[in-house]
N, C-alpha and C. Protein backbone atom coordinates (compact mmCIF):
# COMPACT_ATOMS: atom_id res chain seq x y z
N MET A 1 148.37 -0.53 14.71
CA MET A 1 148.70 -1.78 14.04
C MET A 1 148.13 -2.93 14.86
N ASN A 2 147.22 -3.67 14.23
CA ASN A 2 146.68 -4.85 14.89
C ASN A 2 146.43 -5.94 13.85
N ARG A 3 146.20 -7.15 14.35
CA ARG A 3 146.05 -8.29 13.44
C ARG A 3 144.84 -8.14 12.53
N ALA A 4 143.74 -7.66 13.06
CA ALA A 4 142.53 -7.54 12.24
C ALA A 4 142.77 -6.63 11.04
N ASP A 5 143.43 -5.50 11.25
CA ASP A 5 143.73 -4.60 10.14
C ASP A 5 144.73 -5.24 9.18
N ALA A 6 145.73 -5.93 9.71
CA ALA A 6 146.72 -6.60 8.87
C ALA A 6 146.06 -7.69 8.03
N PHE A 7 145.16 -8.45 8.63
CA PHE A 7 144.46 -9.50 7.89
C PHE A 7 143.61 -8.89 6.78
N ALA A 8 142.93 -7.79 7.08
CA ALA A 8 142.11 -7.10 6.06
C ALA A 8 142.98 -6.61 4.91
N LEU A 9 144.14 -6.07 5.23
CA LEU A 9 145.07 -5.61 4.19
C LEU A 9 145.55 -6.79 3.35
N MET A 10 145.91 -7.88 4.00
CA MET A 10 146.40 -9.05 3.29
C MET A 10 145.33 -9.56 2.32
N THR A 11 144.10 -9.67 2.78
CA THR A 11 143.04 -10.20 1.91
C THR A 11 142.56 -9.18 0.87
N GLU A 12 142.84 -7.91 1.09
CA GLU A 12 142.54 -6.89 0.08
C GLU A 12 143.44 -7.08 -1.15
N TYR A 13 144.68 -7.49 -0.92
CA TYR A 13 145.66 -7.62 -2.00
C TYR A 13 145.89 -9.06 -2.45
N THR A 14 145.38 -10.03 -1.72
CA THR A 14 145.66 -11.43 -2.02
C THR A 14 144.37 -12.23 -2.06
N THR A 15 144.15 -12.94 -3.18
CA THR A 15 142.99 -13.81 -3.30
C THR A 15 143.39 -15.28 -3.44
N ASN A 16 144.62 -15.55 -3.79
CA ASN A 16 145.08 -16.93 -3.99
C ASN A 16 145.07 -17.68 -2.66
N PRO A 17 144.24 -18.73 -2.53
CA PRO A 17 144.14 -19.45 -1.25
C PRO A 17 145.47 -20.03 -0.76
N SER A 18 146.29 -20.52 -1.68
CA SER A 18 147.58 -21.09 -1.28
C SER A 18 148.51 -20.02 -0.71
N LEU A 19 148.50 -18.85 -1.32
CA LEU A 19 149.34 -17.76 -0.82
C LEU A 19 148.84 -17.27 0.54
N ILE A 20 147.54 -17.21 0.71
CA ILE A 20 146.97 -16.83 2.01
C ILE A 20 147.39 -17.83 3.08
N LYS A 21 147.28 -19.12 2.77
CA LYS A 21 147.67 -20.16 3.72
C LYS A 21 149.16 -20.06 4.05
N HIS A 22 149.97 -19.75 3.05
CA HIS A 22 151.40 -19.57 3.29
C HIS A 22 151.64 -18.46 4.31
N MET A 23 150.97 -17.33 4.12
CA MET A 23 151.17 -16.21 5.04
C MET A 23 150.65 -16.55 6.44
N LEU A 24 149.57 -17.30 6.53
CA LEU A 24 149.07 -17.74 7.84
C LEU A 24 150.08 -18.68 8.51
N ALA A 25 150.69 -19.55 7.72
CA ALA A 25 151.69 -20.48 8.27
C ALA A 25 152.90 -19.71 8.80
N VAL A 26 153.37 -18.73 8.03
CA VAL A 26 154.51 -17.94 8.48
C VAL A 26 154.13 -17.13 9.72
N GLU A 27 152.92 -16.60 9.74
CA GLU A 27 152.45 -15.89 10.93
C GLU A 27 152.51 -16.80 12.16
N ALA A 28 152.02 -18.03 12.03
CA ALA A 28 152.00 -18.96 13.16
C ALA A 28 153.41 -19.26 13.68
N THR A 29 154.35 -19.45 12.76
CA THR A 29 155.72 -19.73 13.19
C THR A 29 156.37 -18.51 13.82
N MET A 30 156.09 -17.34 13.28
CA MET A 30 156.65 -16.11 13.83
C MET A 30 156.09 -15.84 15.23
N ARG A 31 154.80 -16.05 15.41
CA ARG A 31 154.20 -15.86 16.74
C ARG A 31 154.81 -16.84 17.75
N ALA A 32 154.98 -18.07 17.33
CA ALA A 32 155.55 -19.08 18.24
C ALA A 32 156.98 -18.70 18.64
N TYR A 33 157.77 -18.25 17.68
CA TYR A 33 159.13 -17.83 18.02
C TYR A 33 159.13 -16.59 18.91
N ALA A 34 158.22 -15.66 18.66
CA ALA A 34 158.15 -14.46 19.50
C ALA A 34 157.86 -14.86 20.96
N ARG A 35 156.93 -15.79 21.14
CA ARG A 35 156.63 -16.27 22.51
C ARG A 35 157.87 -16.90 23.13
N LYS A 36 158.52 -17.76 22.37
CA LYS A 36 159.70 -18.46 22.89
C LYS A 36 160.81 -17.49 23.27
N LEU A 37 160.99 -16.47 22.44
CA LEU A 37 162.11 -15.54 22.63
C LEU A 37 161.71 -14.28 23.41
N GLN A 38 160.50 -14.28 23.92
CA GLN A 38 159.97 -13.15 24.70
C GLN A 38 160.04 -11.83 23.92
N GLN A 39 159.57 -11.91 22.69
CA GLN A 39 159.48 -10.75 21.82
C GLN A 39 158.01 -10.35 21.67
N ASP A 40 157.74 -9.32 20.91
CA ASP A 40 156.38 -8.82 20.70
C ASP A 40 155.64 -9.74 19.73
N GLU A 41 154.78 -10.59 20.28
CA GLU A 41 154.10 -11.59 19.46
C GLU A 41 153.22 -10.97 18.39
N GLU A 42 152.53 -9.90 18.72
CA GLU A 42 151.65 -9.25 17.74
C GLU A 42 152.47 -8.70 16.57
N ARG A 43 153.55 -8.03 16.88
CA ARG A 43 154.41 -7.42 15.85
C ARG A 43 155.01 -8.51 14.95
N TRP A 44 155.58 -9.53 15.57
CA TRP A 44 156.19 -10.62 14.80
C TRP A 44 155.14 -11.32 13.95
N GLY A 45 153.96 -11.55 14.52
CA GLY A 45 152.90 -12.21 13.78
C GLY A 45 152.47 -11.41 12.57
N ILE A 46 152.35 -10.10 12.73
CA ILE A 46 151.95 -9.23 11.63
C ILE A 46 153.00 -9.24 10.53
N VAL A 47 154.26 -9.27 10.89
CA VAL A 47 155.33 -9.38 9.89
C VAL A 47 155.15 -10.66 9.07
N GLY A 48 154.89 -11.76 9.75
CA GLY A 48 154.67 -13.02 9.05
C GLY A 48 153.43 -12.98 8.17
N LEU A 49 152.37 -12.39 8.69
CA LEU A 49 151.10 -12.32 7.96
C LEU A 49 151.19 -11.45 6.72
N LEU A 50 151.98 -10.39 6.77
CA LEU A 50 152.03 -9.43 5.66
C LEU A 50 153.25 -9.56 4.74
N HIS A 51 154.15 -10.48 5.03
CA HIS A 51 155.42 -10.46 4.29
C HIS A 51 155.25 -10.65 2.78
N ASP A 52 154.21 -11.33 2.34
CA ASP A 52 153.99 -11.55 0.90
C ASP A 52 152.67 -10.95 0.40
N PHE A 53 152.07 -10.03 1.15
CA PHE A 53 150.74 -9.55 0.77
C PHE A 53 150.73 -8.88 -0.60
N ASP A 54 151.86 -8.36 -1.06
CA ASP A 54 151.92 -7.68 -2.36
C ASP A 54 152.32 -8.61 -3.50
N TYR A 55 152.65 -9.85 -3.18
CA TYR A 55 153.24 -10.77 -4.17
C TYR A 55 152.29 -11.09 -5.33
N GLU A 56 151.02 -11.26 -5.06
CA GLU A 56 150.07 -11.62 -6.11
C GLU A 56 149.98 -10.54 -7.18
N ARG A 57 150.01 -9.28 -6.76
CA ARG A 57 149.92 -8.16 -7.71
C ARG A 57 151.27 -7.81 -8.33
N TRP A 58 152.33 -7.93 -7.55
CA TRP A 58 153.66 -7.55 -8.02
C TRP A 58 154.66 -8.66 -7.71
N PRO A 59 154.62 -9.77 -8.46
CA PRO A 59 155.49 -10.90 -8.13
C PRO A 59 156.96 -10.73 -8.53
N ASN A 60 157.26 -9.76 -9.36
CA ASN A 60 158.62 -9.62 -9.86
C ASN A 60 159.48 -8.75 -8.96
N PRO A 61 160.73 -9.17 -8.74
CA PRO A 61 161.66 -8.34 -7.98
C PRO A 61 162.03 -7.10 -8.79
N PRO A 62 162.27 -5.99 -8.19
CA PRO A 62 162.13 -5.72 -6.77
C PRO A 62 160.75 -5.18 -6.39
N ASP A 63 159.79 -5.22 -7.35
CA ASP A 63 158.44 -4.73 -7.00
C ASP A 63 157.94 -5.40 -5.73
N HIS A 64 158.13 -6.72 -5.65
CA HIS A 64 157.87 -7.42 -4.39
C HIS A 64 159.20 -7.51 -3.67
N PRO A 65 159.36 -6.93 -2.53
CA PRO A 65 158.37 -6.38 -1.62
C PRO A 65 158.32 -4.85 -1.56
N LEU A 66 158.93 -4.18 -2.51
CA LEU A 66 158.99 -2.72 -2.43
C LEU A 66 157.62 -2.05 -2.60
N LYS A 67 156.76 -2.58 -3.45
CA LYS A 67 155.41 -2.01 -3.59
C LYS A 67 154.65 -2.17 -2.27
N GLY A 68 154.80 -3.34 -1.66
CA GLY A 68 154.16 -3.56 -0.36
C GLY A 68 154.69 -2.63 0.70
N ALA A 69 156.00 -2.39 0.69
CA ALA A 69 156.60 -1.48 1.67
C ALA A 69 156.00 -0.08 1.55
N GLU A 70 155.77 0.38 0.30
CA GLU A 70 155.16 1.69 0.09
C GLU A 70 153.75 1.73 0.69
N ILE A 71 152.99 0.67 0.45
CA ILE A 71 151.61 0.61 0.96
C ILE A 71 151.62 0.60 2.49
N LEU A 72 152.50 -0.19 3.06
CA LEU A 72 152.60 -0.26 4.52
C LEU A 72 152.97 1.09 5.11
N ARG A 73 153.91 1.77 4.48
CA ARG A 73 154.33 3.09 4.95
C ARG A 73 153.16 4.08 4.88
N GLU A 74 152.41 4.05 3.76
CA GLU A 74 151.24 4.94 3.60
C GLU A 74 150.19 4.67 4.68
N ARG A 75 150.11 3.43 5.13
CA ARG A 75 149.09 3.06 6.12
C ARG A 75 149.61 3.15 7.56
N GLY A 76 150.82 3.67 7.72
CA GLY A 76 151.33 3.96 9.05
C GLY A 76 151.96 2.80 9.81
N TYR A 77 152.36 1.76 9.09
CA TYR A 77 153.04 0.65 9.77
C TYR A 77 154.42 1.08 10.22
N PRO A 78 154.89 0.56 11.34
CA PRO A 78 156.20 0.94 11.88
C PRO A 78 157.34 0.53 10.93
N GLU A 79 158.39 1.33 10.96
CA GLU A 79 159.53 1.08 10.08
C GLU A 79 160.19 -0.27 10.32
N ASP A 80 160.23 -0.76 11.57
CA ASP A 80 160.88 -2.06 11.79
C ASP A 80 160.08 -3.19 11.16
N VAL A 81 158.78 -3.06 11.10
CA VAL A 81 157.93 -4.06 10.43
C VAL A 81 158.19 -4.02 8.93
N ILE A 82 158.22 -2.83 8.36
CA ILE A 82 158.49 -2.67 6.93
C ILE A 82 159.88 -3.20 6.58
N TYR A 83 160.85 -2.88 7.41
CA TYR A 83 162.23 -3.32 7.15
C TYR A 83 162.32 -4.84 7.18
N ALA A 84 161.70 -5.47 8.17
CA ALA A 84 161.75 -6.93 8.28
C ALA A 84 161.16 -7.57 7.02
N ILE A 85 160.05 -7.02 6.55
CA ILE A 85 159.42 -7.57 5.35
C ILE A 85 160.33 -7.37 4.13
N LYS A 86 160.93 -6.21 4.01
CA LYS A 86 161.85 -5.99 2.90
C LYS A 86 163.06 -6.91 2.98
N SER A 87 163.51 -7.20 4.18
CA SER A 87 164.74 -7.97 4.35
C SER A 87 164.59 -9.44 3.98
N HIS A 88 163.37 -9.93 3.78
CA HIS A 88 163.23 -11.33 3.39
C HIS A 88 163.55 -11.54 1.92
N ALA A 89 163.78 -10.46 1.18
CA ALA A 89 164.16 -10.54 -0.23
C ALA A 89 165.68 -10.46 -0.35
N ASP A 90 166.29 -11.54 -0.80
CA ASP A 90 167.76 -11.57 -0.94
C ASP A 90 168.29 -10.55 -1.93
N TYR A 91 167.44 -10.10 -2.85
CA TYR A 91 167.90 -9.22 -3.92
C TYR A 91 167.86 -7.74 -3.57
N LEU A 92 167.59 -7.41 -2.31
CA LEU A 92 167.63 -6.01 -1.88
C LEU A 92 168.88 -5.80 -1.03
N PRO A 93 169.98 -5.36 -1.65
CA PRO A 93 171.24 -5.27 -0.92
C PRO A 93 171.25 -4.24 0.21
N ASP A 94 170.32 -3.28 0.17
CA ASP A 94 170.30 -2.26 1.22
C ASP A 94 169.45 -2.69 2.42
N CYS A 95 169.02 -3.96 2.44
CA CYS A 95 168.20 -4.47 3.55
C CYS A 95 168.76 -5.77 4.12
N PRO A 96 169.97 -5.74 4.64
CA PRO A 96 170.50 -6.97 5.24
C PRO A 96 169.69 -7.33 6.49
N ARG A 97 169.61 -8.61 6.76
CA ARG A 97 168.89 -9.06 7.95
C ARG A 97 169.78 -8.85 9.17
N ILE A 98 169.43 -7.85 9.98
CA ILE A 98 170.25 -7.54 11.14
C ILE A 98 169.51 -7.74 12.46
N HIS A 99 168.20 -7.56 12.46
CA HIS A 99 167.43 -7.70 13.69
C HIS A 99 166.91 -9.13 13.82
N LEU A 100 166.63 -9.54 15.03
CA LEU A 100 166.15 -10.88 15.30
C LEU A 100 164.86 -11.17 14.52
N MET A 101 163.97 -10.20 14.45
CA MET A 101 162.71 -10.38 13.71
C MET A 101 162.97 -10.60 12.22
N ASP A 102 163.92 -9.91 11.64
CA ASP A 102 164.28 -10.08 10.23
C ASP A 102 164.77 -11.51 10.00
N LYS A 103 165.64 -11.95 10.88
CA LYS A 103 166.23 -13.29 10.74
C LYS A 103 165.19 -14.38 10.94
N ALA A 104 164.26 -14.17 11.86
CA ALA A 104 163.19 -15.14 12.09
C ALA A 104 162.32 -15.28 10.85
N LEU A 105 161.95 -14.16 10.24
CA LEU A 105 161.11 -14.20 9.04
C LEU A 105 161.80 -14.99 7.93
N TYR A 106 163.05 -14.70 7.69
CA TYR A 106 163.77 -15.39 6.63
C TYR A 106 163.88 -16.89 6.93
N ALA A 107 164.13 -17.22 8.18
CA ALA A 107 164.28 -18.62 8.57
C ALA A 107 162.97 -19.39 8.45
N CYS A 108 161.85 -18.73 8.67
CA CYS A 108 160.54 -19.41 8.66
C CYS A 108 159.87 -19.42 7.29
N ASP A 109 160.11 -18.43 6.48
CA ASP A 109 159.38 -18.23 5.23
C ASP A 109 159.42 -19.46 4.32
N GLU A 110 160.55 -19.78 3.78
CA GLU A 110 160.66 -20.90 2.84
C GLU A 110 160.37 -22.24 3.52
N LEU A 111 160.76 -22.34 4.77
CA LEU A 111 160.58 -23.61 5.48
C LEU A 111 159.10 -23.98 5.59
N THR A 112 158.23 -23.00 5.82
CA THR A 112 156.81 -23.33 5.91
C THR A 112 156.30 -23.92 4.60
N GLY A 113 156.85 -23.48 3.49
CA GLY A 113 156.47 -24.05 2.20
C GLY A 113 156.86 -25.51 2.08
N LEU A 114 158.06 -25.83 2.52
CA LEU A 114 158.53 -27.22 2.46
C LEU A 114 157.71 -28.09 3.42
N ILE A 115 157.43 -27.58 4.60
CA ILE A 115 156.62 -28.33 5.57
C ILE A 115 155.23 -28.59 5.00
N THR A 116 154.64 -27.58 4.39
CA THR A 116 153.32 -27.73 3.78
C THR A 116 153.34 -28.81 2.71
N ALA A 117 154.32 -28.74 1.83
CA ALA A 117 154.43 -29.73 0.76
C ALA A 117 154.59 -31.14 1.33
N ALA A 118 155.41 -31.27 2.35
CA ALA A 118 155.62 -32.59 2.97
C ALA A 118 154.34 -33.10 3.63
N ALA A 119 153.62 -32.22 4.28
CA ALA A 119 152.37 -32.62 4.95
C ALA A 119 151.31 -33.05 3.94
N LEU A 120 151.28 -32.39 2.81
CA LEU A 120 150.24 -32.68 1.81
C LEU A 120 150.38 -34.06 1.17
N VAL A 121 151.56 -34.64 1.21
CA VAL A 121 151.75 -35.97 0.60
C VAL A 121 151.68 -37.10 1.63
N ARG A 122 151.35 -36.77 2.87
CA ARG A 122 151.27 -37.78 3.93
C ARG A 122 149.81 -38.16 4.20
N PRO A 123 149.56 -39.42 4.47
CA PRO A 123 148.19 -39.85 4.76
C PRO A 123 147.56 -39.12 5.95
N ASN A 124 148.35 -38.78 6.96
CA ASN A 124 147.83 -38.09 8.14
C ASN A 124 148.15 -36.60 8.13
N GLY A 125 148.55 -36.08 7.00
CA GLY A 125 148.86 -34.66 6.91
C GLY A 125 149.98 -34.26 7.85
N ILE A 126 149.79 -33.15 8.53
CA ILE A 126 150.83 -32.62 9.42
C ILE A 126 150.80 -33.29 10.80
N THR A 127 149.74 -34.04 11.11
CA THR A 127 149.56 -34.54 12.48
C THR A 127 150.73 -35.39 12.97
N ASP A 128 151.33 -36.20 12.10
CA ASP A 128 152.45 -37.03 12.53
C ASP A 128 153.75 -36.71 11.77
N LEU A 129 153.78 -35.55 11.17
CA LEU A 129 154.97 -35.11 10.44
C LEU A 129 156.10 -34.80 11.41
N THR A 130 157.30 -35.24 11.08
CA THR A 130 158.47 -34.99 11.92
C THR A 130 159.54 -34.25 11.13
N ALA A 131 160.46 -33.68 11.87
CA ALA A 131 161.59 -32.99 11.23
C ALA A 131 162.38 -33.96 10.36
N ALA A 132 162.51 -35.21 10.82
CA ALA A 132 163.26 -36.21 10.04
C ALA A 132 162.61 -36.43 8.67
N SER A 133 161.28 -36.47 8.63
CA SER A 133 160.59 -36.63 7.35
C SER A 133 160.81 -35.44 6.43
N VAL A 134 160.78 -34.24 7.01
CA VAL A 134 161.00 -33.03 6.22
C VAL A 134 162.43 -33.00 5.70
N LYS A 135 163.39 -33.36 6.54
CA LYS A 135 164.79 -33.38 6.11
C LYS A 135 165.01 -34.40 5.00
N LYS A 136 164.30 -35.52 5.06
CA LYS A 136 164.40 -36.52 4.00
C LYS A 136 163.89 -35.93 2.69
N LYS A 137 162.77 -35.19 2.77
CA LYS A 137 162.22 -34.54 1.57
C LYS A 137 163.16 -33.46 1.04
N MET A 138 163.89 -32.81 1.94
CA MET A 138 164.85 -31.78 1.53
C MET A 138 165.91 -32.36 0.60
N LYS A 139 166.27 -33.61 0.83
CA LYS A 139 167.32 -34.25 0.03
C LYS A 139 166.86 -34.61 -1.37
N SER A 140 165.54 -34.69 -1.56
CA SER A 140 164.98 -35.01 -2.87
C SER A 140 164.82 -33.72 -3.67
N LYS A 141 165.72 -33.51 -4.62
CA LYS A 141 165.73 -32.27 -5.39
C LYS A 141 164.45 -32.07 -6.20
N GLY A 142 163.77 -33.16 -6.55
CA GLY A 142 162.55 -33.07 -7.33
C GLY A 142 161.33 -32.69 -6.50
N PHE A 143 161.45 -32.77 -5.18
CA PHE A 143 160.32 -32.46 -4.30
C PHE A 143 160.33 -30.99 -3.94
N ALA A 144 159.21 -30.32 -4.12
CA ALA A 144 159.08 -28.90 -3.80
C ALA A 144 160.26 -28.12 -4.38
N ARG A 145 160.40 -28.22 -5.70
CA ARG A 145 161.54 -27.61 -6.41
C ARG A 145 161.73 -26.13 -6.14
N GLY A 146 160.65 -25.42 -5.87
CA GLY A 146 160.73 -23.99 -5.67
C GLY A 146 161.38 -23.57 -4.36
N VAL A 147 161.58 -24.53 -3.47
CA VAL A 147 162.17 -24.23 -2.16
C VAL A 147 163.69 -24.40 -2.25
N ASN A 148 164.39 -23.32 -2.04
CA ASN A 148 165.86 -23.33 -2.10
C ASN A 148 166.42 -23.90 -0.80
N ARG A 149 167.03 -25.07 -0.90
CA ARG A 149 167.55 -25.76 0.29
C ARG A 149 168.66 -24.96 0.98
N GLU A 150 169.48 -24.28 0.20
CA GLU A 150 170.55 -23.47 0.79
C GLU A 150 169.97 -22.32 1.62
N ASP A 151 168.86 -21.74 1.15
CA ASP A 151 168.20 -20.68 1.91
C ASP A 151 167.71 -21.20 3.26
N LEU A 152 167.19 -22.44 3.26
CA LEU A 152 166.71 -23.03 4.52
C LEU A 152 167.85 -23.17 5.51
N GLU A 153 168.97 -23.70 5.04
CA GLU A 153 170.12 -23.90 5.92
C GLU A 153 170.72 -22.58 6.38
N ARG A 154 170.86 -21.65 5.45
CA ARG A 154 171.42 -20.33 5.80
C ARG A 154 170.49 -19.58 6.76
N GLY A 155 169.18 -19.67 6.52
CA GLY A 155 168.22 -19.00 7.37
C GLY A 155 168.29 -19.48 8.81
N ALA A 156 168.35 -20.79 8.99
CA ALA A 156 168.45 -21.34 10.34
C ALA A 156 169.76 -20.93 11.00
N ALA A 157 170.85 -21.01 10.25
CA ALA A 157 172.16 -20.64 10.79
C ALA A 157 172.20 -19.16 11.19
N ASP A 158 171.71 -18.29 10.32
CA ASP A 158 171.70 -16.86 10.62
C ASP A 158 170.82 -16.52 11.83
N PHE A 159 169.74 -17.28 11.98
CA PHE A 159 168.82 -17.08 13.10
C PHE A 159 169.37 -17.70 14.39
N GLY A 160 170.39 -18.54 14.24
CA GLY A 160 171.03 -19.13 15.41
C GLY A 160 170.32 -20.35 15.97
N VAL A 161 169.62 -21.07 15.10
CA VAL A 161 168.92 -22.27 15.53
C VAL A 161 169.43 -23.48 14.75
N GLU A 162 169.45 -24.62 15.41
CA GLU A 162 169.86 -25.86 14.76
C GLU A 162 168.74 -26.27 13.81
N LEU A 163 169.08 -26.71 12.61
CA LEU A 163 168.10 -26.92 11.56
C LEU A 163 167.01 -27.93 11.95
N THR A 164 167.39 -29.07 12.48
CA THR A 164 166.38 -30.09 12.83
C THR A 164 165.42 -29.55 13.89
N GLU A 165 165.94 -28.89 14.91
CA GLU A 165 165.08 -28.32 15.95
C GLU A 165 164.18 -27.22 15.37
N HIS A 166 164.73 -26.45 14.47
CA HIS A 166 163.96 -25.37 13.83
C HIS A 166 162.81 -25.95 13.01
N ILE A 167 163.08 -26.99 12.26
CA ILE A 167 162.03 -27.63 11.46
C ILE A 167 160.92 -28.14 12.37
N GLN A 168 161.29 -28.84 13.44
CA GLN A 168 160.28 -29.38 14.35
C GLN A 168 159.49 -28.27 15.03
N PHE A 169 160.17 -27.21 15.40
CA PHE A 169 159.50 -26.07 16.03
C PHE A 169 158.44 -25.48 15.09
N CYS A 170 158.81 -25.33 13.83
CA CYS A 170 157.88 -24.76 12.85
C CYS A 170 156.72 -25.72 12.56
N ILE A 171 157.00 -27.02 12.50
CA ILE A 171 155.92 -28.00 12.33
C ILE A 171 154.94 -27.86 13.48
N ASP A 172 155.46 -27.82 14.69
CA ASP A 172 154.59 -27.73 15.88
C ASP A 172 153.76 -26.45 15.87
N ALA A 173 154.35 -25.34 15.43
CA ALA A 173 153.62 -24.08 15.35
C ALA A 173 152.51 -24.17 14.30
N MET A 174 152.82 -24.78 13.17
CA MET A 174 151.82 -24.91 12.11
C MET A 174 150.70 -25.87 12.50
N LYS A 175 150.99 -26.84 13.32
CA LYS A 175 149.95 -27.78 13.78
C LYS A 175 148.85 -27.04 14.52
N THR A 176 149.18 -25.93 15.18
CA THR A 176 148.16 -25.21 15.95
C THR A 176 147.09 -24.60 15.06
N ILE A 177 147.38 -24.43 13.78
CA ILE A 177 146.37 -23.89 12.85
C ILE A 177 146.22 -24.82 11.64
N ALA A 178 146.48 -26.10 11.84
CA ALA A 178 146.47 -27.08 10.75
C ALA A 178 145.16 -27.08 9.96
N ALA A 179 144.04 -26.93 10.63
CA ALA A 179 142.75 -26.92 9.92
C ALA A 179 142.66 -25.73 8.96
N LYS A 180 143.10 -24.56 9.41
CA LYS A 180 143.08 -23.37 8.54
C LYS A 180 144.00 -23.54 7.34
N LEU A 181 145.06 -24.33 7.53
CA LEU A 181 146.03 -24.54 6.46
C LEU A 181 145.67 -25.73 5.57
N ASP A 182 144.56 -26.41 5.89
CA ASP A 182 144.14 -27.62 5.17
C ASP A 182 145.22 -28.69 5.18
N LEU A 183 145.85 -28.87 6.34
CA LEU A 183 146.93 -29.85 6.45
C LEU A 183 146.54 -31.06 7.30
N LEU A 184 145.25 -31.23 7.53
CA LEU A 184 144.76 -32.41 8.24
C LEU A 184 144.27 -33.42 7.21
N ARG A 185 144.56 -34.68 7.43
CA ARG A 185 144.14 -35.74 6.52
C ARG A 185 143.52 -36.87 7.32
N GLY A 186 142.96 -37.85 6.62
CA GLY A 186 142.44 -39.05 7.25
C GLY A 186 141.37 -38.74 8.29
N THR A 187 141.40 -39.44 9.41
CA THR A 187 140.38 -39.27 10.45
C THR A 187 140.46 -37.91 11.10
N ASP A 188 141.65 -37.29 11.09
CA ASP A 188 141.80 -35.97 11.71
C ASP A 188 141.04 -34.89 10.95
N ALA A 189 140.80 -35.15 9.67
CA ALA A 189 140.09 -34.16 8.85
C ALA A 189 138.59 -34.42 8.82
N GLY A 190 138.15 -35.44 9.56
CA GLY A 190 136.73 -35.75 9.60
C GLY A 190 136.28 -36.59 8.42
N GLU A 191 137.23 -37.25 7.74
CA GLU A 191 136.88 -38.09 6.57
C GLU A 191 136.41 -39.45 7.03
């Protein structure tokens, strides 16, 4: 199991650029948390990179993520990686989030979407985005409607991190790959 193979698998099943960027964003946040918590950065990153790789082909529950889990198992991915990916789906009652990696994925997944949406409406993109700005957007029910605010709060609480600090941590992690995520604007984007 390595990143190159995981990336190849992800792009084999996913062509939607927005979905690819989402998985890259989750990978970046998972890697950053793994470093901070002295966990296996490669393993955590791969979980983030592959958590939605089956979504484009099988978007309906429970096909997503169960179809992906079957593919991962066939390709020899470790059971803890498969379990973490399955556990990000609230509708799979036999996969509660019990391990730190499971909780990290759930805490980072939806949040990266909200951060992306917030960055895209700012003149400077993600470069000067703060947790306070993201929290302000969280309060606007019409903004990024697909992001469940309760999931964000529950994810941070279950992971054992304070929400504002968690948001800022994820912003900072995403900034490291901002160009790949197309989250740079203004002079930072070379305009």
